[in-house]
């Protein structure tokens, strides 16, 4: 990475290394850091995918009452 180390700024202003952020993400999602059948990169890809699904935008579907009343989104 050309000698540049990525740092993440936490909510309280502290800095966290990218490696520490990845380790924290794995722990939050209960994904083990070591696996006999997958590489660490595979585990990280799974973590990113799962977190992406959790935070991805999705439109709220109207409930039956909202649809009947003609409520607009």
Protein backbone atom coordinates (compact mmCIF):
# COMPACT_ATOMS: atom_id res chain seq x y z
CA UNK A 1 0.00 0.00 0.00
CA UNK A 2 2.87 2.36 -0.72
CA UNK A 3 3.71 2.86 2.94
CA UNK A 4 0.41 4.50 3.84
CA UNK A 5 -1.48 3.10 6.81
CA UNK A 6 -5.25 3.55 6.84
CA UNK A 7 -6.74 4.82 10.08
CA UNK A 8 -10.42 4.99 11.00
CA UNK A 9 -11.76 7.85 13.11
CA UNK A 10 -14.08 6.46 15.77
CA UNK A 11 -17.15 8.21 17.12
CA UNK A 12 -15.24 9.40 20.19
CA UNK A 13 -12.40 10.81 18.07
CA UNK A 14 -9.90 8.00 18.69
CA UNK A 15 -8.04 6.48 15.76
CA UNK A 16 -8.22 2.79 14.97
CA UNK A 17 -5.99 0.94 12.53
CA UNK A 18 -7.70 -0.75 9.60
CA UNK A 19 -6.55 -4.14 10.88
CA UNK A 20 -8.13 -3.44 14.28
CA UNK A 21 -11.35 -2.31 12.57
CA UNK A 22 -11.52 -5.55 10.58
CA UNK A 23 -10.87 -7.61 13.72
CA UNK A 24 -13.65 -5.71 15.52
CA UNK A 25 -16.05 -6.27 12.61
CA UNK A 26 -15.36 -10.01 12.62
CA UNK A 27 -16.04 -10.13 16.36
CA UNK A 28 -19.26 -8.08 16.08
CA UNK A 29 -20.58 -10.50 13.46
CA UNK A 30 -19.39 -13.61 15.35
CA UNK A 31 -17.18 -14.64 12.45
CA UNK A 32 -14.07 -16.49 13.61
CA UNK A 33 -10.70 -14.99 12.77
CA UNK A 34 -9.35 -18.43 11.87
CA UNK A 35 -11.10 -21.16 9.92
CA UNK A 36 -9.75 -24.48 8.68
CA UNK A 37 -11.54 -24.22 5.35
CA UNK A 38 -11.46 -20.49 4.52
CA UNK A 39 -8.68 -17.95 4.38
CA UNK A 40 -8.74 -14.79 6.47
CA UNK A 41 -9.49 -12.87 3.27
CA UNK A 42 -12.54 -15.11 2.70
CA UNK A 43 -13.73 -14.38 6.25
CA UNK A 44 -13.27 -10.65 5.74
CA UNK A 45 -15.21 -10.78 2.46
CA UNK A 46 -18.05 -12.53 4.30
CA UNK A 47 -17.98 -9.88 7.04
CA UNK A 48 -18.10 -7.03 4.51
CA UNK A 49 -20.97 -8.71 2.67
CA UNK A 50 -22.99 -9.30 5.83
CA UNK A 51 -22.42 -5.77 7.10
CA UNK A 52 -23.37 -4.41 3.68
CA UNK A 53 -26.67 -6.29 3.84
CA UNK A 54 -27.32 -4.85 7.30
CA UNK A 55 -26.78 -1.24 6.28
CA UNK A 56 -27.91 -1.26 2.64
CA UNK A 57 -30.69 1.09 1.60
CA UNK A 58 -34.06 -0.49 1.05
CA UNK A 59 -37.40 1.14 0.45
CA UNK A 60 -39.97 0.69 3.14
CA UNK A 61 -42.94 -1.28 1.85
CA UNK A 62 -46.29 0.22 2.85
CA UNK A 63 -48.33 -1.74 5.35
CA UNK A 64 -51.83 -2.85 4.42
CA UNK A 65 -53.35 0.15 6.23
CA UNK A 66 -51.05 2.63 4.48
CA UNK A 67 -51.85 1.12 1.06
CA UNK A 68 -55.59 1.24 1.71
CA UNK A 69 -55.42 4.86 2.85
CA UNK A 70 -53.39 5.86 -0.20
CA UNK A 71 -50.45 7.09 1.89
CA UNK A 72 -47.59 8.20 -0.32
CA UNK A 73 -43.94 7.47 0.47
